[in-house]
Amino acid sequence: MSRQWWDDGGWSPSGETGMVRVIDSWLVDEGRVRGFGRHAQRFADACSRFSGPGTDGFLRAVAESLPARGRWFPRVELVETGSRTRLRLWMRPAPPRTRTVRLWNSGTDRRSLPAVKGVDLDHLTALRAAAVAAGADEAMLLSPDGHVLEGSTTSIVWWRGDVLCGPPPGPGLLPGITRALLGELAGQDVVSESATPAELAGVPVWTVNALHGVRPVTEGLGRFVEADAAKAERWQARLESLAVPVVPALNT
């Protein structure tokens, strides 16, 4: 699908030129999206770290450009082109949702700026390709001391009984929108826990992101039984209930 630059209040065609510095994406399903304002804020905050152009008008124009029918997974980008940075929209159809995920341990996280989505895009894309080559779906990143951090495109959370847990937030972790929404649905913040893969051996583990929502891990981390899949689908339904029309979502 096409990419378009945003300049001076209007759109113009774009190729794949430039160096991508910041990205963000969200699922649009029949004109509805969950957490749009949070994705917009995360993108704006990240752009400000690179002295990028203002994002308010751009994000409003993006919202107004999204199709009202079908499933889409648009990507907004801050791109370096020569001596300046520009904003770009890449309108993409959403890939099919998958309901489970297999993880591949990629070892110690080597991202340069984990808290900003896009800076390490090429590195994470290569890791995910390596995971697929190894027969998995997603690469798992570990801290230098061996604790689970996140996936190459997902947040990782797990259940201790009825308590939803996950890696401690901070500069080493992308602030996951779907992770935060799940915590609110659970009636609490996600409880911070530093855990190694061995310490999660008997625990139900999920990966979560905007595209696929909730997916139980079936291989590579934690414990999986069929009942876990049914529970994940119940939570997926709750997550999907948060989706609202796109343009009103920008105004909230």
C-alpha atoms as a PDB file:
ATOM      1  CA  MET A   1       0.000   0.000   0.000  1.00  0.00           C
ATOM      2  CA  SER A   2       1.048   3.617  -0.501  1.00  0.00           C
ATOM      3  CA  ARG A   3       3.065   5.850   1.773  1.00  0.00           C
ATOM      4  CA  GLN A   4       2.274   9.559   2.010  1.00  0.00           C
ATOM      5  CA  TRP A   5       4.206  12.517   3.385  1.00  0.00           C
ATOM      6  CA  TRP A   6       2.497  15.122   5.540  1.00  0.00           C
ATOM      7  CA  ASP A   7       3.773  18.660   4.927  1.00  0.00           C
ATOM      8  CA  ASP A   8       2.187  22.059   5.522  1.00  0.00           C
ATOM      9  CA  GLY A   9      -1.260  20.650   6.085  1.00  0.00           C
ATOM     10  CA  GLY A  10      -1.432  18.346   3.070  1.00  0.00           C
ATOM     11  CA  TRP A  11      -0.520  14.921   1.728  1.00  0.00           C
ATOM     12  CA  SER A  12       1.939  14.063  -1.038  1.00  0.00           C
ATOM     13  CA  PRO A  13       3.185  10.719  -2.403  1.00  0.00           C
ATOM     14  CA  SER A  14       6.207   9.111  -0.775  1.00  0.00           C
ATOM     15  CA  GLY A  15       8.421   6.180  -1.610  1.00  0.00           C
ATOM     16  CA  GLU A  16      10.472   4.204   0.890  1.00  0.00           C
ATOM     17  CA  THR A  17      13.185   6.847   1.116  1.00  0.00           C
ATOM     18  CA  GLY A  18      14.680   8.145   4.355  1.00  0.00           C
ATOM     19  CA  MET A  19      15.743   6.681   7.683  1.00  0.00           C
ATOM     20  CA  VAL A  20      12.830   5.765   9.963  1.00  0.00           C
ATOM     21  CA  ARG A  21      13.381   7.025  13.517  1.00  0.00           C
ATOM     22  CA  VAL A  22       9.985   6.589  15.191  1.00  0.00           C
ATOM     23  CA  ILE A  23       6.951   4.469  14.337  1.00  0.00           C
ATOM     24  CA  ASP A  24       3.611   3.554  15.846  1.00  0.00           C
ATOM     25  CA  SER A  25       0.790   1.311  14.653  1.00  0.00           C
ATOM     26  CA  TRP A  26      -2.686   0.314  15.767  1.00  0.00           C
ATOM     27  CA  LEU A  27      -5.463  -1.958  14.534  1.00  0.00           C
ATOM     28  CA  VAL A  28      -8.446  -0.369  12.793  1.00  0.00           C
ATOM     29  CA  ASP A  29     -11.371  -2.787  12.495  1.00  0.00           C
ATOM     30  CA  GLU A  30     -14.475  -1.466  10.708  1.00  0.00           C
ATOM     31  CA  GLY A  31     -13.500   2.090  11.603  1.00  0.00           C
ATOM     32  CA  ARG A  32     -12.949   1.352  15.293  1.00  0.00           C
ATOM     33  CA  VAL A  33      -9.703   1.397  17.280  1.00  0.00           C
ATOM     34  CA  ARG A  34      -8.690   0.870  20.891  1.00  0.00           C
ATOM     35  CA  GLY A  35      -6.276   3.177  22.664  1.00  0.00           C
ATOM     36  CA  PHE A  36      -5.859   5.561  19.743  1.00  0.00           C
ATOM     37  CA  GLY A  37      -5.148   8.550  21.970  1.00  0.00           C
ATOM     38  CA  ARG A  38      -2.448   6.578  23.788  1.00  0.00           C
ATOM     39  CA  HIS A  39      -0.781   5.511  20.554  1.00  0.00           C
ATOM     40  CA  ALA A  40      -0.894   9.120  19.362  1.00  0.00           C
ATOM     41  CA  GLN A  41       0.666  10.370  22.599  1.00  0.00           C
ATOM     42  CA  ARG A  42       3.399   7.720  22.563  1.00  0.00           C
ATOM     43  CA  PHE A  43       4.261   8.679  18.989  1.00  0.00           C
ATOM     44  CA  ALA A  44       4.251  12.406  19.786  1.00  0.00           C
ATOM     45  CA  ASP A  45       6.467  11.919  22.844  1.00  0.00           C
ATOM     46  CA  ALA A  46       8.941   9.850  20.850  1.00  0.00           C
ATOM     47  CA  CYS A  47       9.046  12.387  18.011  1.00  0.00           C
ATOM     48  CA  SER A  48       9.860  15.166  20.469  1.00  0.00           C
ATOM     49  CA  ARG A  49      13.067  13.343  21.412  1.00  0.00           C
ATOM     50  CA  PHE A  50      14.294  13.867  17.857  1.00  0.00           C
ATOM     51  CA  SER A  51      13.117  17.488  17.559  1.00  0.00           C
ATOM     52  CA  GLY A  52      10.596  16.369  14.978  1.00  0.00           C
ATOM     53  CA  PRO A  53       7.761  18.509  13.600  1.00  0.00           C
ATOM     54  CA  GLY A  54       4.555  18.894  15.575  1.00  0.00           C
ATOM     55  CA  THR A  55       2.292  15.883  15.332  1.00  0.00           C
ATOM     56  CA  ASP A  56      -1.178  17.209  16.269  1.00  0.00           C
ATOM     57  CA  GLY A  57      -2.328  18.146  12.773  1.00  0.00           C
ATOM     58  CA  PHE A  58      -0.703  15.081  11.274  1.00  0.00           C
ATOM     59  CA  LEU A  59      -2.389  12.649  13.659  1.00  0.00           C
ATOM     60  CA  ARG A  60      -5.760  14.302  13.169  1.00  0.00           C
ATOM     61  CA  ALA A  61      -5.356  14.007   9.401  1.00  0.00           C
ATOM     62  CA  VAL A  62      -4.337  10.360   9.816  1.00  0.00           C
ATOM     63  CA  ALA A  63      -7.467   9.652  11.851  1.00  0.00           C
ATOM     64  CA  GLU A  64      -9.653  11.312   9.245  1.00  0.00           C
ATOM     65  CA  SER A  65      -7.981   9.297   6.459  1.00  0.00           C
ATOM     66  CA  LEU A  66      -8.552   5.841   7.940  1.00  0.00           C
ATOM     67  CA  PRO A  67     -11.045   3.610   6.112  1.00  0.00           C
ATOM     68  CA  ALA A  68     -14.401   3.015   7.771  1.00  0.00           C
ATOM     69  CA  ARG A  69     -14.582  -0.534   6.414  1.00  0.00           C
ATOM     70  CA  GLY A  70     -12.229  -3.485   6.633  1.00  0.00           C
ATOM     71  CA  ARG A  71      -9.255  -4.310   8.846  1.00  0.00           C
ATOM     72  CA  TRP A  72      -6.238  -2.028   8.610  1.00  0.00           C
ATOM     73  CA  PHE A  73      -2.905  -1.664  10.403  1.00  0.00           C
ATOM     74  CA  PRO A  74      -1.642   1.836   9.551  1.00  0.00           C
ATOM     75  CA  ARG A  75       1.849   2.919  10.524  1.00  0.00           C
ATOM     76  CA  VAL A  76       2.865   6.483  11.319  1.00  0.00           C
ATOM     77  CA  GLU A  77       6.526   7.346  10.952  1.00  0.00           C
ATOM     78  CA  LEU A  78       9.046  10.056  11.745  1.00  0.00           C
ATOM     79  CA  VAL A  79      11.634   9.883   8.970  1.00  0.00           C
ATOM     80  CA  GLU A  80      15.018  11.548   8.535  1.00  0.00           C
ATOM     81  CA  THR A  81      15.478  12.809   4.976  1.00  0.00           C
ATOM     82  CA  GLY A  82      18.729  14.642   4.486  1.00  0.00           C
ATOM     83  CA  SER A  83      18.845  17.654   6.779  1.00  0.00           C
ATOM     84  CA  ARG A  84      15.301  17.445   8.171  1.00  0.00           C
ATOM     85  CA  THR A  85      12.718  15.112   9.626  1.00  0.00           C
ATOM     86  CA  ARG A  86       9.286  14.511   8.101  1.00  0.00           C
ATOM     87  CA  LEU A  87       6.069  12.741   9.047  1.00  0.00           C
ATOM     88  CA  ARG A  88       4.721   9.907   6.946  1.00  0.00           C
ATOM     89  CA  LEU A  89       1.694   7.608   6.892  1.00  0.00           C
ATOM     90  CA  TRP A  90       1.859   4.057   5.589  1.00  0.00           C
ATOM     91  CA  MET A  91      -1.636   2.666   5.107  1.00  0.00           C
ATOM     92  CA  ARG A  92      -1.492  -1.142   5.297  1.00  0.00           C
ATOM     93  CA  PRO A  93      -4.140  -3.866   5.396  1.00  0.00           C
ATOM     94  CA  ALA A  94      -4.021  -5.785   8.661  1.00  0.00           C
ATOM     95  CA  PRO A  95      -2.548  -9.289   8.512  1.00  0.00           C
ATOM     96  CA  PRO A  96      -4.810 -12.075   9.799  1.00  0.00           C
ATOM     97  CA  ARG A  97      -4.961 -12.379  13.568  1.00  0.00           C
ATOM     98  CA  THR A  98      -3.257 -15.427  15.074  1.00  0.00           C
ATOM     99  CA  ARG A  99      -4.461 -16.855  18.386  1.00  0.00           C
ATOM    100  CA  THR A 100      -1.313 -18.461  19.811  1.00  0.00           C
ATOM    101  CA  VAL A 101       2.402 -17.704  19.636  1.00  0.00           C
ATOM    102  CA  ARG A 102       5.674 -19.626  19.820  1.00  0.00           C
ATOM    103  CA  LEU A 103       8.650 -17.770  21.291  1.00  0.00           C
ATOM    104  CA  TRP A 104      12.324 -18.077  20.399  1.00  0.00           C
ATOM    105  CA  ASN A 105      14.953 -16.948  22.919  1.00  0.00           C
ATOM    106  CA  SER A 106      17.144 -14.394  21.148  1.00  0.00           C
ATOM    107  CA  GLY A 107      19.329 -13.782  24.212  1.00  0.00           C
ATOM    108  CA  THR A 108      20.370 -10.451  25.687  1.00  0.00           C
ATOM    109  CA  ASP A 109      18.563  -7.381  24.393  1.00  0.00           C
ATOM    110  CA  ARG A 110      20.861  -5.299  22.186  1.00  0.00           C
ATOM    111  CA  ARG A 111      18.500  -2.450  21.311  1.00  0.00           C
ATOM    112  CA  SER A 112      19.980   1.027  21.501  1.00  0.00           C
ATOM    113  CA  LEU A 113      16.791   2.775  22.706  1.00  0.00           C
ATOM    114  CA  PRO A 114      14.150   0.243  23.830  1.00  0.00           C
ATOM    115  CA  ALA A 115      11.599   2.791  25.064  1.00  0.00           C
ATOM    116  CA  VAL A 116      11.214   4.397  21.609  1.00  0.00           C
ATOM    117  CA  LYS A 117       9.417   2.371  18.973  1.00  0.00           C
ATOM    118  CA  GLY A 118      11.189   2.561  15.640  1.00  0.00           C
ATOM    119  CA  VAL A 119      14.790   3.354  16.517  1.00  0.00           C
ATOM    120  CA  ASP A 120      15.751  -0.335  16.486  1.00  0.00           C
ATOM    121  CA  LEU A 121      13.293  -1.409  13.797  1.00  0.00           C
ATOM    122  CA  ASP A 122      15.843  -3.098  11.517  1.00  0.00           C
ATOM    123  CA  HIS A 123      17.375  -5.023  14.421  1.00  0.00           C
ATOM    124  CA  LEU A 124      13.991  -6.251  15.665  1.00  0.00           C
ATOM    125  CA  THR A 125      12.895  -7.188  12.149  1.00  0.00           C
ATOM    126  CA  ALA A 126      16.032  -9.313  11.805  1.00  0.00           C
ATOM    127  CA  LEU A 127      15.379 -10.985  15.165  1.00  0.00           C
ATOM    128  CA  ARG A 128      11.836 -11.859  14.197  1.00  0.00           C
ATOM    129  CA  ALA A 129      13.075 -13.310  10.911  1.00  0.00           C
ATOM    130  CA  ALA A 130      15.535 -15.442  12.877  1.00  0.00           C
ATOM    131  CA  ALA A 131      12.693 -16.617  15.116  1.00  0.00           C
ATOM    132  CA  VAL A 132      10.638 -17.657  12.099  1.00  0.00           C
ATOM    133  CA  ALA A 133      13.643 -19.469  10.632  1.00  0.00           C
ATOM    134  CA  ALA A 134      13.930 -21.357  13.936  1.00  0.00           C
ATOM    135  CA  GLY A 135      10.293 -22.481  13.707  1.00  0.00           C
ATOM    136  CA  ALA A 136       8.843 -19.861  16.066  1.00  0.00           C
ATOM    137  CA  ASP A 137       6.705 -16.748  15.595  1.00  0.00           C
ATOM    138  CA  GLU A 138       8.331 -14.126  17.794  1.00  0.00           C
ATOM    139  CA  ALA A 139      11.748 -13.366  19.301  1.00  0.00           C
ATOM    140  CA  MET A 140      11.977 -13.015  23.088  1.00  0.00           C
ATOM    141  CA  LEU A 141      14.390 -10.428  24.520  1.00  0.00           C
ATOM    142  CA  LEU A 142      16.170 -10.851  27.861  1.00  0.00           C
ATOM    143  CA  SER A 143      17.839  -8.334  30.158  1.00  0.00           C
ATOM    144  CA  PRO A 144      21.613  -8.637  30.783  1.00  0.00           C
ATOM    145  CA  ASP A 145      20.847 -10.596  33.962  1.00  0.00           C
ATOM    146  CA  GLY A 146      18.581 -13.020  32.119  1.00  0.00           C
ATOM    147  CA  HIS A 147      15.117 -11.670  32.979  1.00  0.00           C
ATOM    148  CA  VAL A 148      12.303 -11.704  30.421  1.00  0.00           C
ATOM    149  CA  LEU A 149      11.732  -8.252  28.882  1.00  0.00           C
ATOM    150  CA  GLU A 150       9.424  -8.438  25.858  1.00  0.00           C
ATOM    151  CA  GLY A 151       9.038  -9.798  22.362  1.00  0.00           C
ATOM    152  CA  SER A 152      10.311  -8.249  19.156  1.00  0.00           C
ATOM    153  CA  THR A 153       6.772  -6.949  18.425  1.00  0.00           C
ATOM    154  CA  THR A 154       4.927  -7.702  21.678  1.00  0.00           C
ATOM    155  CA  SER A 155       4.715  -7.125  25.403  1.00  0.00           C
ATOM    156  CA  ILE A 156       4.991 -10.269  27.541  1.00  0.00           C
ATOM    157  CA  VAL A 157       2.779 -10.777  30.612  1.00  0.00           C
ATOM    158  CA  TRP A 158       1.955 -13.741  32.829  1.00  0.00           C
ATOM    159  CA  TRP A 159      -0.516 -14.836  35.456  1.00  0.00           C
ATOM    160  CA  ARG A 160       0.283 -15.607  39.094  1.00  0.00           C
ATOM    161  CA  GLY A 161      -3.095 -16.976  40.075  1.00  0.00           C
ATOM    162  CA  ASP A 162      -5.502 -14.096  39.439  1.00  0.00           C
ATOM    163  CA  VAL A 163      -2.749 -11.468  39.338  1.00  0.00           C
ATOM    164  CA  LEU A 164      -1.489 -10.190  35.985  1.00  0.00           C
ATOM    165  CA  CYS A 165       2.280  -9.655  36.074  1.00  0.00           C
ATOM    166  CA  GLY A 166       4.942  -8.374  33.727  1.00  0.00           C
ATOM    167  CA  PRO A 167       8.475  -6.970  33.554  1.00  0.00           C
ATOM    168  CA  PRO A 168       9.027  -3.700  35.465  1.00  0.00           C
ATOM    169  CA  PRO A 169       8.469  -0.604  33.297  1.00  0.00           C
ATOM    170  CA  GLY A 170      11.407   1.672  32.665  1.00  0.00           C
ATOM    171  CA  PRO A 171      13.895   2.775  30.006  1.00  0.00           C
ATOM    172  CA  GLY A 172      14.619  -0.838  29.048  1.00  0.00           C
ATOM    173  CA  LEU A 173      11.018  -1.559  28.063  1.00  0.00           C
ATOM    174  CA  LEU A 174       8.668  -0.167  25.422  1.00  0.00           C
ATOM    175  CA  PRO A 175       5.573   1.290  27.155  1.00  0.00           C
ATOM    176  CA  GLY A 176       3.038  -1.157  25.735  1.00  0.00           C
ATOM    177  CA  ILE A 177      -0.440   0.236  25.083  1.00  0.00           C
ATOM    178  CA  THR A 178      -2.176  -3.151  25.047  1.00  0.00           C
ATOM    179  CA  ARG A 179      -0.383  -4.189  28.237  1.00  0.00           C
ATOM    180  CA  ALA A 180      -1.701  -1.062  29.979  1.00  0.00           C
ATOM    181  CA  LEU A 181      -5.247  -1.645  28.706  1.00  0.00           C
ATOM    182  CA  LEU A 182      -5.192  -5.231  29.977  1.00  0.00           C
ATOM    183  CA  GLY A 183      -4.073  -4.065  33.392  1.00  0.00           C
ATOM    184  CA  GLU A 184      -7.006  -1.678  33.547  1.00  0.00           C
ATOM    185  CA  LEU A 185      -9.397  -4.446  32.518  1.00  0.00           C
ATOM    186  CA  ALA A 186      -7.930  -6.571  35.311  1.00  0.00           C
ATOM    187  CA  GLY A 187      -8.750  -3.782  37.764  1.00  0.00           C
ATOM    188  CA  GLN A 188      -5.134  -3.059  38.624  1.00  0.00           C
ATOM    189  CA  ASP A 189      -1.819  -2.056  37.133  1.00  0.00           C
ATOM    190  CA  VAL A 190       0.232  -4.947  35.798  1.00  0.00           C
ATOM    191  CA  VAL A 191       2.263  -6.096  38.818  1.00  0.00           C
ATOM    192  CA  SER A 192       5.990  -5.698  38.199  1.00  0.00           C
ATOM    193  CA  GLU A 193       8.064  -8.858  38.471  1.00  0.00           C
ATOM    194  CA  SER A 194      11.546  -9.647  37.229  1.00  0.00           C
ATOM    195  CA  ALA A 195      11.530 -13.290  36.150  1.00  0.00           C
ATOM    196  CA  THR A 196      13.828 -15.574  34.197  1.00  0.00           C
ATOM    197  CA  PRO A 197      12.424 -18.076  31.698  1.00  0.00           C
ATOM    198  CA  ALA A 198      13.107 -20.861  34.211  1.00  0.00           C
ATOM    199  CA  GLU A 199      11.037 -19.042  36.847  1.00  0.00           C
ATOM    200  CA  LEU A 200       8.080 -18.937  34.450  1.00  0.00           C
ATOM    201  CA  ALA A 201       8.228 -22.630  33.551  1.00  0.00           C
ATOM    202  CA  GLY A 202       4.878 -23.480  35.178  1.00  0.00           C
ATOM    203  CA  VAL A 203       3.094 -20.186  34.567  1.00  0.00           C
ATOM    204  CA  PRO A 204       0.568 -19.184  31.842  1.00  0.00           C
ATOM    205  CA  VAL A 205       2.270 -16.568  29.653  1.00  0.00           C
ATOM    206  CA  TRP A 206       0.726 -14.255  27.052  1.00  0.00           C
ATOM    207  CA  THR A 207       2.105 -11.947  24.424  1.00  0.00           C
ATOM    208  CA  VAL A 208       0.005  -8.848  23.743  1.00  0.00           C
ATOM    209  CA  ASN A 209       0.062  -6.146  21.097  1.00  0.00           C
ATOM    210  CA  ALA A 210      -2.234  -3.905  19.074  1.00  0.00           C
ATOM    211  CA  LEU A 211      -2.447  -6.207  16.049  1.00  0.00           C
ATOM    212  CA  HIS A 212      -3.121  -9.616  17.570  1.00  0.00           C
ATOM    213  CA  GLY A 213      -4.366  -8.631  21.016  1.00  0.00           C
ATOM    214  CA  VAL A 214      -3.953 -11.503  23.483  1.00  0.00           C
ATOM    215  CA  ARG A 215      -2.107 -14.664  22.470  1.00  0.00           C
ATOM    216  CA  PRO A 216      -1.098 -17.453  24.867  1.00  0.00           C
ATOM    217  CA  VAL A 217       2.459 -18.705  24.472  1.00  0.00           C
ATOM    218  CA  THR A 218       2.446 -22.372  23.449  1.00  0.00           C
ATOM    219  CA  GLU A 219       6.203 -22.926  23.066  1.00  0.00           C
ATOM    220  CA  GLY A 220       9.384 -21.290  24.331  1.00  0.00           C
ATOM    221  CA  LEU A 221       8.180 -19.874  27.651  1.00  0.00           C
ATOM    222  CA  GLY A 222       5.787 -20.729  30.445  1.00  0.00           C
ATOM    223  CA  ARG A 223       3.128 -23.433  30.555  1.00  0.00           C
ATOM    224  CA  PHE A 224       0.274 -23.952  28.123  1.00  0.00           C
ATOM    225  CA  VAL A 225      -2.888 -26.038  28.461  1.00  0.00           C
ATOM    226  CA  GLU A 226      -6.067 -25.802  26.384  1.00  0.00           C
ATOM    227  CA  ALA A 227      -7.895 -23.999  29.194  1.00  0.00           C
ATOM    228  CA  ASP A 228      -5.382 -21.162  28.809  1.00  0.00           C
ATOM    229  CA  ALA A 229      -6.533 -20.599  25.219  1.00  0.00           C
ATOM    230  CA  ALA A 230     -10.161 -20.281  26.296  1.00  0.00           C
ATOM    231  CA  LYS A 231      -9.218 -17.775  29.004  1.00  0.00           C
ATOM    232  CA  ALA A 232      -7.180 -15.764  26.521  1.00  0.00           C
ATOM    233  CA  GLU A 233     -10.129 -15.560  24.117  1.00  0.00           C
ATOM    234  CA  ARG A 234     -12.380 -14.264  26.909  1.00  0.00           C
ATOM    235  CA  TRP A 235      -9.878 -11.525  27.629  1.00  0.00           C
ATOM    236  CA  GLN A 236      -9.512 -10.842  23.921  1.00  0.00           C
ATOM    237  CA  ALA A 237     -13.258 -10.207  23.736  1.00  0.00           C
ATOM    238  CA  ARG A 238     -12.982  -7.763  26.640  1.00  0.00           C
ATOM    239  CA  LEU A 239     -10.094  -6.022  24.928  1.00  0.00           C
ATOM    240  CA  GLU A 240     -12.010  -5.730  21.654  1.00  0.00           C
ATOM    241  CA  SER A 241     -14.925  -4.134  23.504  1.00  0.00           C
ATOM    242  CA  LEU A 242     -12.690  -1.102  24.138  1.00  0.00           C
ATOM    243  CA  ALA A 243     -12.569  -0.189  20.431  1.00  0.00           C
ATOM    244  CA  VAL A 244     -14.360   3.035  19.508  1.00  0.00           C
ATOM    245  CA  PRO A 245     -14.764   5.095  16.291  1.00  0.00           C
ATOM    246  CA  VAL A 246     -11.453   6.630  15.293  1.00  0.00           C
ATOM    247  CA  VAL A 247     -12.155  10.353  14.995  1.00  0.00           C
ATOM    248  CA  PRO A 248     -14.080  10.666  18.284  1.00  0.00           C
ATOM    249  CA  ALA A 249     -11.261   8.710  19.941  1.00  0.00           C
ATOM    250  CA  LEU A 250      -8.805  11.449  18.964  1.00  0.00           C
ATOM    251  CA  ASN A 251     -10.932  14.041  20.742  1.00  0.00           C
ATOM    252  CA  THR A 252     -10.990  12.190  24.099  1.00  0.00           C
END
